[in-house]
Amino acid sequence: MNRYRRFFLPLALLLPLVGLGLIWLLAERESDQGTEWDVPIAGYDPRDLLRGHYVQFRYDWPAVQEDEVPAWSVSQTSLCIIGTAPAIESVEVQDLTVPDPSSASVCDATANANPWSEEGDDGLIRDRIYVPQQAAGDYETKLANAKLQGIVRIRINNSGYITPLSLRFQPRPREMADPGEAE
């Protein structure tokens, strides 16, 4: 028995480390899977653009009115994204309490409510993205500029959860420009 104890004791101590390593590897692998999409953002508060090193924003889903996605939907709502990644053509709000098998075939991606969202919401309406400290001033200037549209690149993983990846800016389309602005 003593002879085997020398062999099994180090193995028993090493087994939890191997298990943690496998869990980390699987989580890392899954975090890189999914489809990336570009989503316009809106709703910055000019008095409070940056909180720490994070930009907080509201998704401006194409073809969806703000009040169509209920706040605090607690996994009762998903978004059916139609388009060719990364360009979104339209988004449809789906009520998960009323299953519609025909809608699943038209969705190119489905974004589900995330119970672990950092914004205390479901992750379908509001989110935040980390910005480097040295770029914070540039982001603040661009966020305040009404002529620029913020676009966040997101990844929707296999579970349907949204992860914001990067933020960029582009000129707003003319139809969205201020109507009082001279051409």
N, C-alpha and C. Protein backbone atom coordinates (compact mmCIF):
# COMPACT_ATOMS: atom_id res chain seq x y z
N MET A 1 0.82 -1.19 0.00
CA MET A 1 0.00 0.00 0.00
C MET A 1 0.87 1.26 0.00
N ASN A 2 1.93 1.27 0.78
CA ASN A 2 2.82 2.41 0.86
C ASN A 2 3.48 2.70 -0.49
N ARG A 3 3.79 1.63 -1.20
CA ARG A 3 4.44 1.77 -2.49
C ARG A 3 3.53 2.50 -3.49
N TYR A 4 2.24 2.20 -3.47
CA TYR A 4 1.30 2.83 -4.39
C TYR A 4 0.93 4.25 -3.95
N ARG A 5 1.05 4.52 -2.67
CA ARG A 5 0.71 5.84 -2.15
C ARG A 5 1.63 6.90 -2.74
N ARG A 6 2.88 6.58 -2.93
CA ARG A 6 3.82 7.53 -3.54
C ARG A 6 3.42 7.90 -4.95
N PHE A 7 2.81 6.97 -5.63
CA PHE A 7 2.41 7.21 -7.00
C PHE A 7 1.06 7.95 -7.07
N PHE A 8 0.08 7.55 -6.28
CA PHE A 8 -1.27 8.09 -6.37
C PHE A 8 -1.44 9.45 -5.70
N LEU A 9 -0.67 9.76 -4.68
CA LEU A 9 -0.80 11.03 -3.99
C LEU A 9 -0.46 12.21 -4.92
N PRO A 10 0.68 12.20 -5.61
CA PRO A 10 0.95 13.31 -6.55
C PRO A 10 -0.07 13.35 -7.69
N LEU A 11 -0.52 12.19 -8.13
CA LEU A 11 -1.52 12.15 -9.19
C LEU A 11 -2.84 12.76 -8.71
N ALA A 12 -3.24 12.44 -7.48
CA ALA A 12 -4.47 12.99 -6.92
C ALA A 12 -4.36 14.50 -6.73
N LEU A 13 -3.19 14.99 -6.40
CA LEU A 13 -2.99 16.44 -6.24
C LEU A 13 -2.95 17.15 -7.59
N LEU A 14 -2.50 16.48 -8.62
CA LEU A 14 -2.38 17.06 -9.95
C LEU A 14 -3.71 17.07 -10.70
N LEU A 15 -4.60 16.14 -10.38
CA LEU A 15 -5.86 16.00 -11.08
C LEU A 15 -6.72 17.28 -11.06
N PRO A 16 -6.89 17.99 -9.93
CA PRO A 16 -7.67 19.24 -9.96
C PRO A 16 -7.06 20.30 -10.87
N LEU A 17 -5.74 20.38 -10.93
CA LEU A 17 -5.10 21.35 -11.82
C LEU A 17 -5.35 21.02 -13.28
N VAL A 18 -5.32 19.76 -13.61
CA VAL A 18 -5.61 19.34 -14.99
C VAL A 18 -7.06 19.67 -15.32
N GLY A 19 -7.98 19.43 -14.37
CA GLY A 19 -9.39 19.75 -14.58
C GLY A 19 -9.61 21.23 -14.79
N LEU A 20 -8.99 22.07 -13.98
CA LEU A 20 -9.11 23.52 -14.15
C LEU A 20 -8.53 23.97 -15.49
N GLY A 21 -7.42 23.37 -15.89
CA GLY A 21 -6.82 23.70 -17.17
C GLY A 21 -7.74 23.35 -18.33
N LEU A 22 -8.40 22.22 -18.26
CA LEU A 22 -9.34 21.82 -19.32
C LEU A 22 -10.54 22.76 -19.37
N ILE A 23 -11.07 23.14 -18.22
CA ILE A 23 -12.19 24.07 -18.18
C ILE A 23 -11.78 25.40 -18.80
N TRP A 24 -10.60 25.89 -18.45
CA TRP A 24 -10.11 27.16 -19.02
C TRP A 24 -9.95 27.03 -20.53
N LEU A 25 -9.38 25.94 -21.00
CA LEU A 25 -9.17 25.73 -22.43
C LEU A 25 -10.50 25.70 -23.19
N LEU A 26 -11.49 25.01 -22.66
CA LEU A 26 -12.80 24.94 -23.32
C LEU A 26 -13.48 26.31 -23.32
N ALA A 27 -13.39 27.05 -22.23
CA ALA A 27 -13.99 28.39 -22.17
C ALA A 27 -13.30 29.33 -23.15
N GLU A 28 -11.99 29.25 -23.25
CA GLU A 28 -11.24 30.10 -24.18
C GLU A 28 -11.62 29.76 -25.63
N ARG A 29 -11.74 28.49 -25.91
CA ARG A 29 -12.09 28.05 -27.27
C ARG A 29 -13.50 28.52 -27.64
N GLU A 30 -14.45 28.39 -26.71
CA GLU A 30 -15.82 28.79 -26.99
C GLU A 30 -15.94 30.30 -27.13
N SER A 31 -15.13 31.07 -26.40
CA SER A 31 -15.22 32.53 -26.48
C SER A 31 -14.80 33.06 -27.83
N ASP A 32 -13.99 32.32 -28.56
CA ASP A 32 -13.56 32.74 -29.90
C ASP A 32 -14.48 32.26 -31.01
N GLN A 33 -15.49 31.47 -30.67
CA GLN A 33 -16.42 30.97 -31.68
C GLN A 33 -17.61 31.89 -31.78
N GLY A 34 -18.25 31.88 -32.91
CA GLY A 34 -19.44 32.69 -33.12
C GLY A 34 -19.28 33.56 -34.35
N THR A 35 -20.30 34.35 -34.62
CA THR A 35 -20.34 35.21 -35.80
C THR A 35 -20.23 36.66 -35.35
N GLU A 36 -19.46 37.44 -36.09
CA GLU A 36 -19.28 38.86 -35.76
C GLU A 36 -20.20 39.71 -36.61
N TRP A 37 -20.80 40.71 -35.97
CA TRP A 37 -21.75 41.62 -36.61
C TRP A 37 -21.41 43.05 -36.22
N ASP A 38 -21.76 44.00 -37.10
CA ASP A 38 -21.59 45.43 -36.82
C ASP A 38 -22.95 46.02 -36.48
N VAL A 39 -23.06 46.64 -35.29
CA VAL A 39 -24.34 47.18 -34.82
C VAL A 39 -24.15 48.66 -34.52
N PRO A 40 -25.02 49.53 -35.07
CA PRO A 40 -24.97 50.94 -34.71
C PRO A 40 -25.32 51.10 -33.23
N ILE A 41 -24.75 52.11 -32.61
CA ILE A 41 -25.06 52.38 -31.20
C ILE A 41 -25.56 53.80 -31.06
N ALA A 42 -26.27 54.05 -29.99
CA ALA A 42 -26.83 55.37 -29.72
C ALA A 42 -26.98 55.52 -28.22
N GLY A 43 -27.46 56.67 -27.83
CA GLY A 43 -27.84 56.88 -26.45
C GLY A 43 -26.72 57.19 -25.49
N TYR A 44 -25.76 58.01 -25.92
CA TYR A 44 -24.71 58.40 -24.98
C TYR A 44 -25.20 59.59 -24.18
N ASP A 45 -24.78 59.70 -22.96
CA ASP A 45 -25.07 60.86 -22.13
C ASP A 45 -23.86 61.78 -22.23
N PRO A 46 -24.01 62.96 -22.87
CA PRO A 46 -22.84 63.83 -23.07
C PRO A 46 -22.20 64.29 -21.76
N ARG A 47 -22.90 64.19 -20.64
CA ARG A 47 -22.31 64.57 -19.36
C ARG A 47 -21.52 63.43 -18.74
N ASP A 48 -21.72 62.19 -19.26
CA ASP A 48 -21.10 61.02 -18.65
C ASP A 48 -20.77 59.99 -19.72
N LEU A 49 -19.87 60.36 -20.64
CA LEU A 49 -19.56 59.47 -21.76
C LEU A 49 -18.76 58.26 -21.33
N LEU A 50 -17.76 58.49 -20.51
CA LEU A 50 -16.88 57.38 -20.13
C LEU A 50 -16.98 57.13 -18.63
N ARG A 51 -17.11 55.88 -18.26
CA ARG A 51 -17.09 55.48 -16.85
C ARG A 51 -15.86 54.62 -16.68
N GLY A 52 -14.87 55.18 -16.05
CA GLY A 52 -13.61 54.45 -15.95
C GLY A 52 -13.03 54.30 -17.34
N HIS A 53 -12.76 53.09 -17.72
CA HIS A 53 -12.22 52.82 -19.07
C HIS A 53 -13.28 52.18 -19.94
N TYR A 54 -14.55 52.40 -19.65
CA TYR A 54 -15.63 51.78 -20.42
C TYR A 54 -16.52 52.83 -21.06
N VAL A 55 -16.94 52.55 -22.29
CA VAL A 55 -17.96 53.35 -22.95
C VAL A 55 -19.26 52.57 -22.78
N GLN A 56 -20.27 53.22 -22.20
CA GLN A 56 -21.58 52.60 -22.06
C GLN A 56 -22.45 53.10 -23.20
N PHE A 57 -23.21 52.21 -23.81
CA PHE A 57 -24.01 52.57 -24.97
C PHE A 57 -25.29 51.77 -25.02
N ARG A 58 -26.16 52.18 -25.93
CA ARG A 58 -27.40 51.48 -26.21
C ARG A 58 -27.33 51.01 -27.65
N TYR A 59 -27.66 49.75 -27.88
CA TYR A 59 -27.70 49.23 -29.25
C TYR A 59 -28.82 49.92 -30.01
N ASP A 60 -28.56 50.28 -31.26
CA ASP A 60 -29.55 50.89 -32.14
C ASP A 60 -29.82 49.89 -33.25
N TRP A 61 -30.51 48.79 -32.89
CA TRP A 61 -30.74 47.69 -33.83
C TRP A 61 -31.51 48.17 -35.06
N PRO A 62 -31.06 47.82 -36.27
CA PRO A 62 -31.77 48.23 -37.50
C PRO A 62 -33.20 47.67 -37.52
N ALA A 63 -34.15 48.51 -37.88
CA ALA A 63 -35.56 48.14 -38.05
C ALA A 63 -36.25 47.74 -36.75
N VAL A 64 -35.69 48.12 -35.60
CA VAL A 64 -36.31 47.82 -34.31
C VAL A 64 -36.45 49.13 -33.54
N GLN A 65 -37.65 49.39 -33.06
CA GLN A 65 -37.87 50.57 -32.23
C GLN A 65 -37.39 50.27 -30.82
N GLU A 66 -36.94 51.29 -30.12
CA GLU A 66 -36.36 51.11 -28.78
C GLU A 66 -37.32 50.40 -27.82
N ASP A 67 -38.61 50.72 -27.89
CA ASP A 67 -39.57 50.14 -26.95
C ASP A 67 -40.02 48.73 -27.35
N GLU A 68 -39.58 48.21 -28.50
CA GLU A 68 -39.95 46.86 -28.92
C GLU A 68 -39.21 45.79 -28.14
N VAL A 69 -38.01 46.10 -27.67
CA VAL A 69 -37.24 45.15 -26.86
C VAL A 69 -37.50 45.50 -25.41
N PRO A 70 -38.29 44.70 -24.71
CA PRO A 70 -38.61 45.06 -23.33
C PRO A 70 -37.39 44.99 -22.43
N ALA A 71 -37.23 46.02 -21.61
CA ALA A 71 -36.12 46.03 -20.65
C ALA A 71 -36.37 44.94 -19.62
N TRP A 72 -35.32 44.35 -19.13
CA TRP A 72 -35.39 43.30 -18.11
C TRP A 72 -36.27 42.15 -18.59
N SER A 73 -36.06 41.72 -19.82
CA SER A 73 -36.90 40.67 -20.38
C SER A 73 -36.64 39.30 -19.76
N VAL A 74 -35.58 39.15 -19.00
CA VAL A 74 -35.24 37.92 -18.28
C VAL A 74 -35.45 36.69 -19.16
N SER A 75 -34.71 36.64 -20.22
CA SER A 75 -34.68 35.48 -21.12
C SER A 75 -35.99 35.20 -21.83
N GLN A 76 -36.90 36.16 -21.88
CA GLN A 76 -38.16 35.94 -22.58
C GLN A 76 -38.14 36.53 -23.99
N THR A 77 -37.04 37.18 -24.35
CA THR A 77 -36.93 37.82 -25.65
C THR A 77 -35.61 37.45 -26.30
N SER A 78 -35.65 37.26 -27.61
CA SER A 78 -34.42 37.11 -28.38
C SER A 78 -34.55 37.98 -29.62
N LEU A 79 -33.41 38.21 -30.27
CA LEU A 79 -33.40 39.01 -31.49
C LEU A 79 -32.99 38.13 -32.65
N CYS A 80 -33.80 38.12 -33.69
CA CYS A 80 -33.51 37.38 -34.91
C CYS A 80 -32.79 38.33 -35.85
N ILE A 81 -31.52 38.06 -36.13
CA ILE A 81 -30.70 38.93 -36.97
C ILE A 81 -30.68 38.36 -38.38
N ILE A 82 -31.00 39.23 -39.34
CA ILE A 82 -31.05 38.84 -40.74
C ILE A 82 -30.02 39.66 -41.50
N GLY A 83 -29.17 38.99 -42.25
CA GLY A 83 -28.14 39.67 -43.02
C GLY A 83 -26.97 38.75 -43.29
N THR A 84 -25.95 39.30 -43.90
CA THR A 84 -24.72 38.56 -44.15
C THR A 84 -23.65 39.21 -43.30
N ALA A 85 -23.11 38.45 -42.35
CA ALA A 85 -22.14 39.00 -41.40
C ALA A 85 -21.00 39.67 -42.12
N PRO A 86 -20.58 40.83 -41.68
CA PRO A 86 -20.98 41.54 -40.47
C PRO A 86 -22.13 42.53 -40.67
N ALA A 87 -22.70 42.62 -41.88
CA ALA A 87 -23.75 43.62 -42.15
C ALA A 87 -25.12 43.09 -41.75
N ILE A 88 -25.84 43.85 -40.95
CA ILE A 88 -27.19 43.49 -40.53
C ILE A 88 -28.19 44.21 -41.42
N GLU A 89 -29.09 43.43 -42.04
CA GLU A 89 -30.14 44.03 -42.85
C GLU A 89 -31.32 44.45 -41.98
N SER A 90 -31.77 43.54 -41.12
CA SER A 90 -32.87 43.86 -40.22
C SER A 90 -32.81 42.95 -39.00
N VAL A 91 -33.57 43.32 -38.00
CA VAL A 91 -33.64 42.57 -36.75
C VAL A 91 -35.11 42.45 -36.37
N GLU A 92 -35.51 41.26 -35.96
CA GLU A 92 -36.88 41.03 -35.51
C GLU A 92 -36.86 40.59 -34.06
N VAL A 93 -37.75 41.14 -33.26
CA VAL A 93 -37.86 40.76 -31.86
C VAL A 93 -38.73 39.52 -31.78
N GLN A 94 -38.25 38.51 -31.04
CA GLN A 94 -38.99 37.26 -30.88
C GLN A 94 -39.34 37.06 -29.41
N ASP A 95 -40.57 36.70 -29.15
CA ASP A 95 -41.01 36.36 -27.80
C ASP A 95 -40.83 34.87 -27.63
N LEU A 96 -39.96 34.46 -26.73
CA LEU A 96 -39.65 33.05 -26.56
C LEU A 96 -40.76 32.27 -25.87
N THR A 97 -41.73 32.98 -25.29
CA THR A 97 -42.84 32.27 -24.66
C THR A 97 -43.84 31.77 -25.70
N VAL A 98 -43.75 32.32 -26.93
CA VAL A 98 -44.61 31.88 -28.02
C VAL A 98 -43.71 31.35 -29.13
N PRO A 99 -43.40 30.04 -29.13
CA PRO A 99 -42.48 29.49 -30.12
C PRO A 99 -43.03 29.62 -31.54
N ASP A 100 -42.16 30.02 -32.44
CA ASP A 100 -42.51 30.15 -33.86
C ASP A 100 -41.45 29.41 -34.66
N PRO A 101 -41.71 28.14 -35.02
CA PRO A 101 -40.69 27.34 -35.72
C PRO A 101 -40.30 27.90 -37.07
N SER A 102 -41.18 28.67 -37.72
CA SER A 102 -40.85 29.21 -39.04
C SER A 102 -39.81 30.32 -38.96
N SER A 103 -39.74 31.03 -37.84
CA SER A 103 -38.80 32.15 -37.74
C SER A 103 -37.35 31.69 -37.60
N ALA A 104 -37.13 30.50 -37.06
CA ALA A 104 -35.76 30.02 -36.86
C ALA A 104 -35.03 29.83 -38.19
N SER A 105 -35.76 29.50 -39.23
CA SER A 105 -35.10 29.25 -40.52
C SER A 105 -34.68 30.53 -41.22
N VAL A 106 -35.29 31.67 -40.90
CA VAL A 106 -34.92 32.92 -41.56
C VAL A 106 -33.83 33.68 -40.83
N CYS A 107 -33.55 33.32 -39.59
CA CYS A 107 -32.53 34.03 -38.80
C CYS A 107 -31.13 33.58 -39.22
N ASP A 108 -30.27 34.56 -39.48
CA ASP A 108 -28.86 34.25 -39.74
C ASP A 108 -28.09 34.15 -38.44
N ALA A 109 -28.62 34.75 -37.39
CA ALA A 109 -28.07 34.64 -36.04
C ALA A 109 -29.19 34.99 -35.06
N THR A 110 -29.10 34.46 -33.86
CA THR A 110 -30.07 34.76 -32.82
C THR A 110 -29.33 35.24 -31.59
N ALA A 111 -29.70 36.43 -31.12
CA ALA A 111 -29.11 36.98 -29.90
C ALA A 111 -30.09 36.75 -28.76
N ASN A 112 -29.64 36.08 -27.73
CA ASN A 112 -30.48 35.78 -26.57
C ASN A 112 -30.15 36.69 -25.41
N ALA A 113 -31.12 36.83 -24.51
CA ALA A 113 -30.89 37.59 -23.29
C ALA A 113 -29.80 36.89 -22.48
N ASN A 114 -28.89 37.68 -21.93
CA ASN A 114 -27.77 37.12 -21.17
C ASN A 114 -27.98 37.38 -19.68
N PRO A 115 -28.23 36.33 -18.92
CA PRO A 115 -28.45 36.55 -17.49
C PRO A 115 -27.22 37.05 -16.74
N TRP A 116 -26.04 36.99 -17.37
CA TRP A 116 -24.81 37.44 -16.73
C TRP A 116 -24.33 38.77 -17.30
N SER A 117 -25.19 39.51 -17.95
CA SER A 117 -24.81 40.79 -18.53
C SER A 117 -24.28 41.72 -17.46
N GLU A 118 -23.22 42.45 -17.78
CA GLU A 118 -22.58 43.34 -16.82
C GLU A 118 -23.36 44.62 -16.58
N GLU A 119 -24.29 44.94 -17.43
CA GLU A 119 -25.01 46.20 -17.29
C GLU A 119 -26.29 46.06 -16.46
N GLY A 120 -26.53 44.92 -15.85
CA GLY A 120 -27.72 44.74 -15.05
C GLY A 120 -28.97 44.66 -15.89
N ASP A 121 -28.79 44.54 -17.17
CA ASP A 121 -29.87 44.43 -18.14
C ASP A 121 -29.75 43.03 -18.72
N ASP A 122 -30.37 42.78 -19.83
CA ASP A 122 -30.25 41.46 -20.43
C ASP A 122 -29.22 41.41 -21.56
N GLY A 123 -28.52 42.51 -21.80
CA GLY A 123 -27.48 42.54 -22.83
C GLY A 123 -28.00 42.74 -24.23
N LEU A 124 -29.31 42.86 -24.42
CA LEU A 124 -29.87 43.09 -25.75
C LEU A 124 -30.10 44.56 -26.03
N ILE A 125 -30.18 45.37 -24.99
CA ILE A 125 -30.48 46.80 -25.15
C ILE A 125 -29.25 47.66 -24.90
N ARG A 126 -28.62 47.46 -23.75
CA ARG A 126 -27.46 48.26 -23.36
C ARG A 126 -26.27 47.36 -23.14
N ASP A 127 -25.08 47.95 -23.29
CA ASP A 127 -23.86 47.20 -23.01
C ASP A 127 -22.74 48.20 -22.77
N ARG A 128 -21.55 47.70 -22.62
CA ARG A 128 -20.38 48.56 -22.44
C ARG A 128 -19.18 47.86 -23.05
N ILE A 129 -18.20 48.68 -23.40
CA ILE A 129 -16.99 48.15 -24.01
C ILE A 129 -15.78 48.85 -23.40
N TYR A 130 -14.74 48.10 -23.17
CA TYR A 130 -13.50 48.64 -22.62
C TYR A 130 -12.79 49.45 -23.69
N VAL A 131 -12.26 50.62 -23.29
CA VAL A 131 -11.43 51.43 -24.19
C VAL A 131 -10.12 51.72 -23.48
N PRO A 132 -9.02 51.68 -24.21
CA PRO A 132 -7.72 51.99 -23.59
C PRO A 132 -7.68 53.44 -23.10
N GLN A 133 -6.98 53.66 -22.01
CA GLN A 133 -6.93 54.99 -21.40
C GLN A 133 -6.37 56.03 -22.37
N GLN A 134 -5.36 55.66 -23.14
CA GLN A 134 -4.76 56.64 -24.05
C GLN A 134 -5.70 57.03 -25.19
N ALA A 135 -6.74 56.24 -25.46
CA ALA A 135 -7.69 56.56 -26.53
C ALA A 135 -8.96 57.21 -25.99
N ALA A 136 -9.10 57.35 -24.68
CA ALA A 136 -10.35 57.84 -24.08
C ALA A 136 -10.73 59.23 -24.58
N GLY A 137 -9.80 60.14 -24.69
CA GLY A 137 -10.10 61.50 -25.16
C GLY A 137 -10.63 61.50 -26.58
N ASP A 138 -10.04 60.70 -27.45
CA ASP A 138 -10.49 60.59 -28.84
C ASP A 138 -11.90 60.01 -28.90
N TYR A 139 -12.17 58.97 -28.11
CA TYR A 139 -13.50 58.38 -28.09
C TYR A 139 -14.53 59.38 -27.59
N GLU A 140 -14.18 60.14 -26.55
CA GLU A 140 -15.11 61.11 -25.99
C GLU A 140 -15.47 62.17 -27.02
N THR A 141 -14.49 62.65 -27.78
CA THR A 141 -14.74 63.65 -28.82
C THR A 141 -15.64 63.09 -29.91
N LYS A 142 -15.36 61.86 -30.34
CA LYS A 142 -16.15 61.24 -31.41
C LYS A 142 -17.57 60.91 -30.95
N LEU A 143 -17.73 60.48 -29.70
CA LEU A 143 -19.07 60.17 -29.18
C LEU A 143 -19.95 61.42 -29.12
N ALA A 144 -19.34 62.58 -28.84
CA ALA A 144 -20.09 63.83 -28.75
C ALA A 144 -20.40 64.43 -30.12
N ASN A 145 -19.74 63.96 -31.17
CA ASN A 145 -19.92 64.50 -32.51
C ASN A 145 -21.18 63.91 -33.15
N ALA A 146 -22.21 64.74 -33.37
CA ALA A 146 -23.49 64.28 -33.93
C ALA A 146 -23.36 63.82 -35.38
N LYS A 147 -22.27 64.19 -36.05
CA LYS A 147 -22.09 63.79 -37.44
C LYS A 147 -21.50 62.39 -37.59
N LEU A 148 -21.07 61.81 -36.47
CA LEU A 148 -20.48 60.47 -36.50
C LEU A 148 -21.41 59.44 -35.87
N GLN A 149 -21.45 58.27 -36.47
CA GLN A 149 -22.23 57.15 -35.96
C GLN A 149 -21.28 56.13 -35.35
N GLY A 150 -21.49 55.79 -34.09
CA GLY A 150 -20.70 54.75 -33.46
C GLY A 150 -21.17 53.39 -33.92
N ILE A 151 -20.25 52.52 -34.23
CA ILE A 151 -20.54 51.14 -34.65
C ILE A 151 -19.74 50.22 -33.76
N VAL A 152 -20.43 49.29 -33.10
CA VAL A 152 -19.72 48.33 -32.27
C VAL A 152 -19.73 46.98 -32.98
N ARG A 153 -18.57 46.36 -33.03
CA ARG A 153 -18.46 45.01 -33.59
C ARG A 153 -18.72 44.05 -32.44
N ILE A 154 -19.72 43.19 -32.62
CA ILE A 154 -20.08 42.23 -31.58
C ILE A 154 -19.84 40.81 -32.09
N ARG A 155 -19.72 39.89 -31.16
CA ARG A 155 -19.69 38.47 -31.52
C ARG A 155 -20.87 37.82 -30.82
N ILE A 156 -21.65 37.06 -31.57
CA ILE A 156 -22.73 36.27 -30.99
C ILE A 156 -22.24 34.84 -30.96
N ASN A 157 -22.05 34.31 -29.75
CA ASN A 157 -21.48 32.97 -29.62
C ASN A 157 -22.54 31.89 -29.83
N ASN A 158 -22.15 30.65 -29.68
CA ASN A 158 -23.06 29.53 -29.93
C ASN A 158 -24.24 29.49 -28.96
N SER A 159 -24.12 30.15 -27.81
CA SER A 159 -25.22 30.21 -26.85
C SER A 159 -26.15 31.38 -27.15
N GLY A 160 -25.79 32.21 -28.12
CA GLY A 160 -26.61 33.36 -28.49
C GLY A 160 -26.31 34.60 -27.67
N TYR A 161 -25.21 34.58 -26.89
CA TYR A 161 -24.87 35.73 -26.06
C TYR A 161 -23.98 36.70 -26.85
N ILE A 162 -24.17 37.99 -26.57
CA ILE A 162 -23.45 39.05 -27.27
C ILE A 162 -22.21 39.43 -26.49
N THR A 163 -21.09 39.56 -27.20
CA THR A 163 -19.86 40.07 -26.62
C THR A 163 -19.38 41.23 -27.48
N PRO A 164 -19.34 42.47 -26.94
CA PRO A 164 -18.80 43.59 -27.71
C PRO A 164 -17.28 43.42 -27.88
N LEU A 165 -16.79 43.63 -29.10
CA LEU A 165 -15.37 43.42 -29.39
C LEU A 165 -14.61 44.72 -29.64
N SER A 166 -15.18 45.61 -30.45
CA SER A 166 -14.47 46.84 -30.79
C SER A 166 -15.47 47.93 -31.14
N LEU A 167 -14.96 49.16 -31.13
CA LEU A 167 -15.80 50.33 -31.42
C LEU A 167 -15.11 51.15 -32.49
N ARG A 168 -15.89 51.57 -33.47
CA ARG A 168 -15.36 52.45 -34.52
C ARG A 168 -16.43 53.48 -34.86
N PHE A 169 -16.05 54.46 -35.68
CA PHE A 169 -16.97 55.53 -36.03
C PHE A 169 -16.97 55.73 -37.53
N GLN A 170 -18.13 56.13 -38.06
CA GLN A 170 -18.25 56.44 -39.48
C GLN A 170 -19.22 57.61 -39.62
N PRO A 171 -19.16 58.32 -40.73
CA PRO A 171 -20.10 59.43 -40.91
C PRO A 171 -21.54 58.90 -40.93
N ARG A 172 -22.45 59.67 -40.33
CA ARG A 172 -23.86 59.28 -40.34
C ARG A 172 -24.42 59.41 -41.74
N PRO A 173 -25.36 58.54 -42.10
CA PRO A 173 -26.03 58.68 -43.41
C PRO A 173 -26.77 60.00 -43.47
N ARG A 174 -26.93 60.55 -44.67
CA ARG A 174 -27.57 61.85 -44.84
C ARG A 174 -28.98 61.89 -44.27
N GLU A 175 -29.78 60.81 -44.45
CA GLU A 175 -31.16 60.83 -43.97
C GLU A 175 -31.22 60.90 -42.44
N MET A 176 -30.12 60.56 -41.76
CA MET A 176 -30.12 60.62 -40.30
C MET A 176 -29.50 61.93 -39.80
N ALA A 177 -28.96 62.73 -40.72
CA ALA A 177 -28.33 63.99 -40.33
C ALA A 177 -29.38 64.94 -39.80
N ASP A 178 -28.94 65.94 -39.07
CA ASP A 178 -29.84 66.94 -38.49
C ASP A 178 -30.61 67.64 -39.60
N PRO A 179 -31.97 67.62 -39.57
CA PRO A 179 -32.75 68.26 -40.63
C PRO A 179 -32.55 69.76 -40.72
N GLY A 180 -32.14 70.41 -39.64
CA GLY A 180 -31.94 71.86 -39.64
C GLY A 180 -30.57 72.24 -40.20
N GLU A 181 -29.77 71.26 -40.52
CA GLU A 181 -28.41 71.52 -41.00
C GLU A 181 -28.44 71.90 -42.47
N ALA A 182 -27.75 72.96 -42.85
CA ALA A 182 -27.70 73.39 -44.25
C ALA A 182 -26.81 72.45 -45.04
N GLU A 183 -27.20 72.22 -46.29
CA GLU A 183 -26.42 71.31 -47.15
C GLU A 183 -25.41 72.05 -47.96
